[in-house]
Amino acid sequence: MTPAVQLKSSNLLKKVMRNYFRSLSDAPKIAWCTSVGPAELLRAFGFEVYFPENHGALIGATRKASDYIPASFNLGFSSHVCSYTTSDIGAYIRKETPLEKHYGLQSIPKPDLIVYNTNQCREVQDWFGFFAREFNCPIAGIEPPRHVDQVSKQDIKYVAEQFKAIIPACEKASGQKFDLQKFNHTLQLSAEATLLWQKVLATAKHIPAPFSFFDACIHMGPIVVLRGTGVAKDYYQSLLDELNAYVDKNIGLLNTPHSRIFWDGMPIWGKLRYLSDLFLDNQSVVIASTYCNSWIFEDFDPAKPFESCALAYTKIFINRSENAKMDMLKHWINEFEIEGMIFHDAQTCFNNSNARFGMPQRLKTETGIPTLVIEGDLNDLRFFSEGQSTTKIETFLEQIASREVEYK
């Protein structure tokens, strides 16, 4: 089904992302960073910042992961390890990258510094460590407390000190001294962009929703790779203006009665279009997710740059306890008027799969919202059965529709 909303901002997005990737080819200094890592601090030193997780997602979206993953097995990486990691390393071993076809880059950019944050998972440490050895490159890491109920003052102090501890490595690799004013500036730009991203996602609260989870997976590119720049801020202002125009005209992706679904966990990158069409064809829109909320940092504060970064990067959903996650999900269910929850149990992403310890059942018991678990993976499509998943999703949506009729 063709949705009623056709975003003109998609053309601007292509230009923004093309310019970003092409800037990597002639950047004087490049730092690698995890997607929910200290990009603002790195940009304050003049680094152009590259995100291997974004590259991993591109490999998944172009359905090339199965070509690359086996190459990493020869180095001892398990088939159960994050498929971002194994596909990215496998592509490097085979000297291939989808960046060549899409952006004209012959290879991934060589790093002058590699920085990671284990707030998402420990695999990034091993993943980035592999490339630090390959490129004989300095590497620095931030390792916050994991699975926290609430982020304490002690946690903030501990993580803030780790942010400060990577400054000498940044100074040495960049050839520039730390400038607090520059850090405050990049943090302010990031704060403004991330709040615009929050407003973009919030347009899906409207009935009918003009924006879906699958749209967000595409349009989240700048908030990942261009945080701390005016480009990201300008892009999300443009996208928000377009979406608000649809809201004002009461136009949504579906303008007929439909169910409103929440997606927990990673996207299935190689099946985004298929899944989007599947839900629309069944009169349903996946309007919100845990994943895309990962780049909303309401706590950024240039007046307290290190402490606010420590808080913002530690309190993200994936880094929280089961109890905290349950509270956050309940909040989103109410905020977005959710009628059904999909839990994606990604087989190589243990850290961002929340269906393995009874959370779907507990959430259904406590909220009355129907839940469904879909098995798959972020990149490795061998774990995803299209036929089985289609049957499960269609049956689930039929049950929700019947439930709505029953309660009317």
Protein backbone atom coordinates (compact mmCIF):
# COMPACT_ATOMS: atom_id res chain seq x y z
CA MET A 1 0.00 0.00 0.00
CA THR A 2 1.25 3.48 -0.85
CA PRO A 3 0.99 5.69 2.27
CA ALA A 4 -0.83 9.01 2.03
CA VAL A 5 2.27 10.85 3.28
CA GLN A 6 5.21 11.16 0.87
CA LEU A 7 7.96 13.11 2.63
CA LYS A 8 9.71 15.68 0.45
CA SER A 9 12.42 15.85 3.13
CA SER A 10 13.70 12.50 1.88
CA ASN A 11 15.47 14.31 -0.97
CA LEU A 12 17.13 16.68 1.49
CA LEU A 13 18.12 13.71 3.63
CA LYS A 14 19.93 12.11 0.69
CA LYS A 15 21.87 15.32 0.12
CA VAL A 16 22.76 15.70 3.80
CA MET A 17 24.00 12.13 4.12
CA ARG A 18 25.89 12.28 0.81
CA ASN A 19 27.70 15.45 1.91
CA TYR A 20 28.55 13.90 5.26
CA PHE A 21 30.10 10.77 3.80
CA ARG A 22 31.99 12.66 1.13
CA SER A 23 33.44 14.93 3.80
CA LEU A 24 35.14 11.88 5.27
CA SER A 25 37.28 11.43 2.17
CA ASP A 26 39.27 14.64 2.67
CA ALA A 27 38.94 15.29 6.42
CA PRO A 28 42.28 16.21 8.05
CA LYS A 29 41.51 14.22 11.20
CA ILE A 30 38.96 11.43 11.71
CA ALA A 31 37.70 9.90 14.94
CA TRP A 32 35.57 6.78 15.10
CA CYS A 33 32.77 6.78 17.65
CA THR A 34 29.95 4.56 18.83
CA SER A 35 26.51 5.78 17.81
CA VAL A 36 25.59 6.76 21.39
CA GLY A 37 29.05 8.02 22.25
CA PRO A 38 30.79 11.35 22.89
CA ALA A 39 30.54 12.78 19.38
CA GLU A 40 30.15 16.32 20.75
CA LEU A 41 33.49 16.15 22.54
CA LEU A 42 35.24 14.76 19.47
CA ARG A 43 33.82 17.48 17.22
CA ALA A 44 35.09 20.10 19.67
CA PHE A 45 38.61 18.96 18.70
CA GLY A 46 37.89 19.39 14.99
CA PHE A 47 37.52 15.69 14.20
CA GLU A 48 35.21 14.53 11.44
CA VAL A 49 33.39 11.68 13.15
CA TYR A 50 32.69 8.27 11.60
CA PHE A 51 30.26 5.76 13.12
CA PRO A 52 30.88 2.05 12.38
CA GLU A 53 27.38 1.16 13.63
CA ASN A 54 25.93 3.35 10.91
CA HIS A 55 28.08 1.45 8.43
CA GLY A 56 26.80 -1.82 9.91
CA ALA A 57 23.20 -0.66 9.45
CA LEU A 58 23.94 0.27 5.83
CA ILE A 59 25.35 -3.21 5.24
CA GLY A 60 22.14 -4.66 6.70
CA ALA A 61 19.86 -2.38 4.70
CA THR A 62 21.63 -3.28 1.46
CA ARG A 63 21.33 -6.99 2.34
CA LYS A 64 25.06 -7.60 2.02
CA ALA A 65 25.58 -8.90 5.54
CA SER A 66 25.37 -12.58 4.55
CA ASP A 67 28.26 -12.01 2.13
CA TYR A 68 30.48 -10.59 4.85
CA ILE A 69 29.61 -12.31 8.13
CA PRO A 70 31.33 -15.65 7.31
CA ALA A 71 34.65 -13.86 6.76
CA SER A 72 34.72 -12.81 10.42
CA PHE A 73 34.24 -16.40 11.61
CA ASN A 74 37.74 -17.23 10.40
CA LEU A 75 39.07 -14.73 12.95
CA GLY A 76 37.24 -16.47 15.78
CA PHE A 77 34.16 -14.28 15.98
CA SER A 78 31.12 -16.32 16.99
CA SER A 79 27.93 -16.48 14.92
CA HIS A 80 26.14 -15.31 18.08
CA VAL A 81 28.12 -12.05 18.22
CA CYS A 82 26.39 -8.81 17.13
CA SER A 83 25.93 -8.99 13.36
CA TYR A 84 26.88 -5.31 13.06
CA THR A 85 30.29 -6.39 14.34
CA THR A 86 30.69 -9.51 12.22
CA SER A 87 29.36 -7.95 9.00
CA ASP A 88 31.44 -4.79 9.42
CA ILE A 89 34.63 -6.72 10.11
CA GLY A 90 33.83 -9.17 7.32
CA ALA A 91 33.37 -6.31 4.84
CA TYR A 92 36.74 -4.89 5.90
CA ILE A 93 38.43 -8.27 5.42
CA ARG A 94 36.93 -8.55 1.94
CA LYS A 95 37.90 -4.95 1.19
CA GLU A 96 34.33 -4.00 0.28
CA THR A 97 31.86 -1.39 1.48
CA PRO A 98 28.40 -0.20 0.38
CA LEU A 99 29.81 3.32 0.78
CA GLU A 100 31.42 2.91 -2.63
CA LYS A 101 28.17 2.41 -4.51
CA HIS A 102 26.13 4.93 -2.53
CA TYR A 103 28.65 7.69 -1.81
CA GLY A 104 31.73 7.05 -3.93
CA LEU A 105 34.04 6.11 -1.04
CA GLN A 106 36.52 3.39 -1.95
CA SER A 107 36.89 2.24 1.66
CA ILE A 108 35.95 3.08 5.20
CA PRO A 109 37.97 6.08 6.50
CA LYS A 110 41.20 5.43 8.38
CA PRO A 111 40.90 6.59 12.00
CA ASP A 112 43.28 8.86 13.88
CA LEU A 113 41.47 8.01 17.12
CA ILE A 114 38.83 5.45 18.12
CA VAL A 115 36.43 6.12 21.00
CA TYR A 116 33.67 3.85 22.29
CA ASN A 117 30.99 3.88 24.97
CA THR A 118 29.73 0.56 26.33
CA ASN A 119 26.35 2.04 27.32
CA GLN A 120 24.83 -0.10 24.54
CA CYS A 121 26.86 -3.29 24.82
CA ARG A 122 30.32 -4.66 25.54
CA GLU A 123 30.72 -5.87 21.95
CA VAL A 124 31.70 -2.38 20.80
CA GLN A 125 34.84 -2.64 22.88
CA ASP A 126 35.94 -5.83 21.07
CA TRP A 127 34.70 -4.55 17.69
CA PHE A 128 36.53 -1.24 17.93
CA GLY A 129 39.53 -2.94 19.51
CA PHE A 130 39.90 -5.08 16.38
CA PHE A 131 40.19 -1.97 14.21
CA ALA A 132 42.52 -0.22 16.67
CA ARG A 133 44.92 -3.12 16.16
CA GLU A 134 44.40 -3.18 12.40
CA PHE A 135 45.12 0.54 12.01
CA ASN A 136 47.63 0.76 14.88
CA CYS A 137 45.40 3.51 16.20
CA PRO A 138 44.94 4.87 19.75
CA ILE A 139 41.68 3.83 21.39
CA ALA A 140 39.84 5.21 24.43
CA GLY A 141 36.67 4.04 26.08
CA ILE A 142 33.88 5.06 28.42
CA GLU A 143 32.37 2.25 30.45
CA PRO A 144 29.36 3.43 32.48
CA PRO A 145 27.44 1.40 35.07
CA ARG A 146 25.00 -0.92 33.32
CA HIS A 147 21.37 -1.92 33.95
CA VAL A 148 20.70 0.94 36.35
CA ASP A 149 17.31 1.75 37.89
CA GLN A 150 18.12 5.42 38.34
CA VAL A 151 21.33 7.22 37.38
CA SER A 152 22.81 8.38 40.68
CA LYS A 153 25.04 11.37 41.41
CA GLN A 154 27.87 8.91 41.97
CA ASP A 155 27.22 7.38 38.54
CA ILE A 156 27.29 10.82 36.91
CA LYS A 157 30.54 11.75 38.64
CA TYR A 158 32.12 8.42 37.68
CA VAL A 159 31.17 8.70 33.99
CA ALA A 160 31.99 12.44 33.79
CA GLU A 161 35.52 11.66 34.96
CA GLN A 162 35.81 9.08 32.17
CA PHE A 163 34.77 11.73 29.64
CA LYS A 164 37.49 14.02 30.96
CA ALA A 165 40.02 11.18 30.92
CA ILE A 166 39.84 10.82 27.13
CA ILE A 167 40.78 14.46 26.58
CA PRO A 168 44.57 13.81 26.47
CA ALA A 169 44.06 11.17 23.73
CA CYS A 170 41.90 13.65 21.79
CA GLU A 171 44.51 16.38 22.15
CA LYS A 172 47.33 14.14 20.98
CA ALA A 173 45.43 12.70 17.99
CA SER A 174 43.96 16.04 16.86
CA GLY A 175 46.94 18.28 17.60
CA GLN A 176 44.58 20.69 19.35
CA LYS A 177 44.24 21.69 22.99
CA PHE A 178 40.88 21.20 24.65
CA ASP A 179 38.67 24.28 24.33
CA LEU A 180 35.70 24.31 26.72
CA GLN A 181 33.93 26.96 24.65
CA LYS A 182 34.05 24.76 21.55
CA PHE A 183 32.72 21.80 23.54
CA ASN A 184 29.87 23.92 24.88
CA HIS A 185 29.06 25.03 21.33
CA THR A 186 28.91 21.51 19.86
CA LEU A 187 26.88 20.35 22.86
CA GLN A 188 24.41 23.21 22.38
CA LEU A 189 23.97 22.32 18.70
CA SER A 190 23.48 18.68 19.65
CA ALA A 191 20.93 19.60 22.32
CA GLU A 192 18.91 21.64 19.84
CA ALA A 193 19.01 18.91 17.19
CA THR A 194 18.04 16.14 19.58
CA LEU A 195 15.05 18.08 20.90
CA LEU A 196 13.91 18.65 17.32
CA TRP A 197 14.27 14.90 16.72
CA GLN A 198 12.08 14.33 19.77
CA LYS A 199 9.43 16.61 18.30
CA VAL A 200 9.68 14.79 14.96
CA LEU A 201 8.96 11.48 16.67
CA ALA A 202 6.18 13.09 18.70
CA THR A 203 4.21 13.94 15.54
CA ALA A 204 3.21 10.26 15.53
CA LYS A 205 1.09 10.95 18.61
CA HIS A 206 -1.37 12.57 16.26
CA ILE A 207 -4.24 10.46 14.94
CA PRO A 208 -3.72 9.74 12.09
CA ALA A 209 0.08 9.53 12.44
CA PRO A 210 2.13 11.06 9.59
CA PHE A 211 5.37 9.31 10.60
CA SER A 212 6.22 5.71 11.44
CA PHE A 213 9.01 3.76 13.12
CA PHE A 214 10.18 2.62 9.68
CA ASP A 215 10.35 6.24 8.49
CA ALA A 216 12.28 7.15 11.63
CA CYS A 217 14.85 4.41 10.98
CA ILE A 218 15.70 6.20 7.73
CA HIS A 219 15.45 9.80 8.89
CA MET A 220 17.47 9.19 12.08
CA GLY A 221 20.69 9.27 10.02
CA PRO A 222 21.69 12.89 10.83
CA ILE A 223 20.98 12.60 14.57
CA VAL A 224 23.45 9.71 14.66
CA VAL A 225 26.26 10.88 12.35
CA LEU A 226 25.90 14.69 12.56
CA ARG A 227 25.19 15.38 16.23
CA GLY A 228 26.97 18.53 17.30
CA THR A 229 26.57 20.28 13.93
CA GLY A 230 24.23 22.91 12.57
CA VAL A 231 23.46 20.62 9.65
CA ALA A 232 21.57 18.17 11.88
CA LYS A 233 19.67 20.98 13.58
CA ASP A 234 18.62 22.51 10.27
CA TYR A 235 17.58 19.16 8.82
CA TYR A 236 15.27 18.27 11.69
CA GLN A 237 13.70 21.71 11.69
CA SER A 238 12.87 21.19 8.02
CA LEU A 239 11.51 17.69 8.61
CA LEU A 240 9.46 18.85 11.60
CA ASP A 241 7.94 21.71 9.62
CA GLU A 242 6.86 19.27 6.90
CA LEU A 243 5.36 16.79 9.36
CA ASN A 244 3.54 19.53 11.27
CA ALA A 245 1.94 20.62 8.01
CA TYR A 246 0.52 17.11 7.63
CA VAL A 247 -0.69 17.19 11.25
CA ASP A 248 -2.39 20.55 10.68
CA LYS A 249 -4.19 19.12 7.64
CA ASN A 250 -5.08 15.94 9.56
CA ILE A 251 -3.28 13.75 7.01
CA GLY A 252 -1.59 10.53 8.13
CA LEU A 253 0.07 7.50 6.62
CA LEU A 254 -3.35 5.83 6.82
CA ASN A 255 -6.44 7.99 6.83
CA THR A 256 -8.77 5.10 7.64
CA PRO A 257 -9.24 3.48 11.07
CA HIS A 258 -6.12 1.55 12.02
CA SER A 259 -4.23 0.11 14.96
CA ARG A 260 -1.28 1.89 16.58
CA ILE A 261 1.71 -0.37 17.27
CA PHE A 262 4.94 0.06 19.27
CA TRP A 263 8.20 -1.67 18.24
CA ASP A 264 10.72 -2.68 20.89
CA GLY A 265 14.29 -3.56 19.94
CA MET A 266 16.44 -3.29 16.86
CA PRO A 267 15.16 -2.76 13.31
CA ILE A 268 15.44 -5.65 10.87
CA TRP A 269 17.40 -3.54 8.43
CA GLY A 270 17.07 -5.78 5.39
CA LYS A 271 13.28 -5.96 5.79
CA LEU A 272 12.29 -2.37 6.60
CA ARG A 273 10.25 -1.80 3.46
CA TYR A 274 8.68 -5.25 3.62
CA LEU A 275 7.59 -4.81 7.23
CA SER A 276 6.37 -1.25 6.69
CA ASP A 277 4.18 -2.41 3.79
CA LEU A 278 2.99 -5.42 5.76
CA PHE A 279 1.65 -3.27 8.59
CA LEU A 280 0.09 -0.69 6.26
CA ASP A 281 -1.58 -3.43 4.20
CA ASN A 282 -3.12 -4.68 7.44
CA GLN A 283 -4.43 -1.24 8.42
CA SER A 284 -1.78 -0.69 11.06
CA VAL A 285 1.03 1.80 11.69
CA VAL A 286 4.08 1.20 13.88
CA ILE A 287 4.19 4.69 15.32
CA ALA A 288 6.91 4.54 18.00
CA SER A 289 9.87 2.53 19.24
CA THR A 290 12.48 2.17 21.92
CA TYR A 291 15.25 2.21 19.31
CA CYS A 292 14.65 5.62 17.76
CA ASN A 293 14.27 7.21 21.20
CA SER A 294 17.92 6.31 21.85
CA TRP A 295 18.97 9.64 20.33
CA ILE A 296 16.85 11.92 22.47
CA PHE A 297 19.10 13.62 25.03
CA GLU A 298 16.98 16.03 27.04
CA ASP A 299 19.69 16.37 29.68
CA PHE A 300 22.37 18.02 27.53
CA ASP A 301 23.36 21.25 29.25
CA PRO A 302 26.31 23.39 28.06
CA ALA A 303 26.50 24.90 31.54
CA LYS A 304 27.44 21.42 32.86
CA PRO A 305 28.90 19.75 29.76
CA PHE A 306 30.65 16.74 31.28
CA GLU A 307 28.02 15.97 33.91
CA SER A 308 25.10 16.39 31.51
CA CYS A 309 26.76 14.18 28.88
CA ALA A 310 27.43 11.56 31.54
CA LEU A 311 23.76 11.61 32.57
CA ALA A 312 22.33 11.68 29.04
CA TYR A 313 24.50 8.87 27.70
CA THR A 314 24.02 6.66 30.75
CA LYS A 315 20.22 6.90 31.13
CA ILE A 316 19.34 5.64 27.63
CA PHE A 317 16.78 2.84 27.48
CA ILE A 318 19.16 0.03 26.50
CA ASN A 319 21.36 0.76 29.55
CA ARG A 320 18.56 0.56 32.11
CA SER A 321 17.29 -2.14 34.44
CA GLU A 322 14.24 -4.29 33.68
CA ASN A 323 12.16 -2.24 36.12
CA ALA A 324 13.22 1.06 34.57
CA LYS A 325 12.51 -0.27 31.08
CA MET A 326 9.03 -1.38 32.14
CA ASP A 327 8.28 2.10 33.48
CA MET A 328 9.51 3.71 30.26
CA LEU A 329 7.43 1.38 28.10
CA LYS A 330 4.30 2.09 30.14
CA HIS A 331 4.90 5.80 29.71
CA TRP A 332 5.22 5.47 25.93
CA ILE A 333 2.11 3.25 25.75
CA ASN A 334 0.07 6.02 27.32
CA GLU A 335 1.80 8.87 25.51
CA PHE A 336 1.30 7.38 22.03
CA GLU A 337 -2.03 5.61 22.72
CA ILE A 338 -0.49 2.25 21.82
CA GLU A 339 -2.78 -0.71 21.05
CA GLY A 340 -0.20 -3.45 20.56
CA MET A 341 3.49 -4.13 21.27
CA ILE A 342 5.96 -5.94 19.00
CA PHE A 343 9.10 -7.24 20.69
CA HIS A 344 11.89 -8.01 18.22
CA ASP A 345 14.09 -10.73 19.69
CA ALA A 346 17.25 -10.06 17.67
CA GLN A 347 19.28 -13.26 17.79
CA THR A 348 22.71 -11.59 17.77
CA CYS A 349 21.79 -8.56 19.89
CA PHE A 350 21.25 -9.80 23.41
CA ASN A 351 21.58 -6.31 24.91
CA ASN A 352 18.73 -4.79 22.92
CA SER A 353 16.34 -7.76 23.00
CA ASN A 354 13.86 -7.51 25.85
CA ALA A 355 11.69 -10.56 25.25
CA ARG A 356 13.85 -13.20 26.93
CA PHE A 357 13.00 -12.75 30.60
CA GLY A 358 9.22 -12.43 30.56
CA MET A 359 8.87 -8.71 29.89
CA PRO A 360 6.18 -9.07 27.18
CA GLN A 361 4.02 -11.18 29.49
CA ARG A 362 4.50 -8.85 32.45
CA LEU A 363 3.72 -5.80 30.33
CA LYS A 364 0.53 -7.40 29.01
CA THR A 365 -0.55 -8.36 32.53
CA GLU A 366 0.09 -4.87 33.93
CA THR A 367 -1.28 -2.80 31.02
CA GLY A 368 -3.67 -5.07 29.14
CA ILE A 369 -1.85 -4.26 25.90
CA PRO A 370 -1.42 -7.30 23.58
CA THR A 371 2.20 -8.25 22.88
CA LEU A 372 3.92 -10.32 20.19
CA VAL A 373 7.51 -11.59 19.96
CA ILE A 374 9.14 -11.71 16.51
CA GLU A 375 12.41 -13.57 16.07
CA GLY A 376 14.91 -12.08 13.67
CA ASP A 377 18.09 -10.06 13.65
CA LEU A 378 19.38 -6.60 12.85
CA ASN A 379 21.59 -7.80 9.95
CA ASP A 380 21.69 -11.58 9.72
CA LEU A 381 18.56 -12.50 7.77
CA ARG A 382 19.17 -16.21 8.30
CA PHE A 383 17.42 -15.71 11.63
CA PHE A 384 14.30 -14.17 10.07
CA SER A 385 11.49 -16.21 8.54
CA GLU A 386 9.39 -13.98 6.31
CA GLY A 387 6.54 -16.48 6.00
CA GLN A 388 6.34 -17.29 9.70
CA SER A 389 6.65 -13.64 10.73
CA THR A 390 3.96 -12.54 8.28
CA THR A 391 1.53 -15.09 9.67
CA LYS A 392 2.28 -14.10 13.27
CA ILE A 393 1.96 -10.38 12.59
CA GLU A 394 -1.23 -10.65 10.56
CA THR A 395 -2.85 -12.87 13.19
CA PHE A 396 -1.75 -10.45 15.92
CA LEU A 397 -3.22 -7.46 14.08
CA GLU A 398 -6.47 -9.32 13.43
CA GLN A 399 -6.74 -10.01 17.15
CA ILE A 400 -6.20 -6.33 17.94
CA ALA A 401 -8.85 -5.34 15.40
CA SER A 402 -11.30 -7.84 16.91
CA ARG A 403 -10.49 -6.55 20.36
CA GLU A 404 -11.26 -2.98 19.27
CA VAL A 405 -14.60 -4.04 17.81
CA GLU A 406 -15.43 -5.93 21.02
CA TYR A 407 -14.77 -2.86 23.19
CA LYS A 408 -16.77 -0.46 21.01
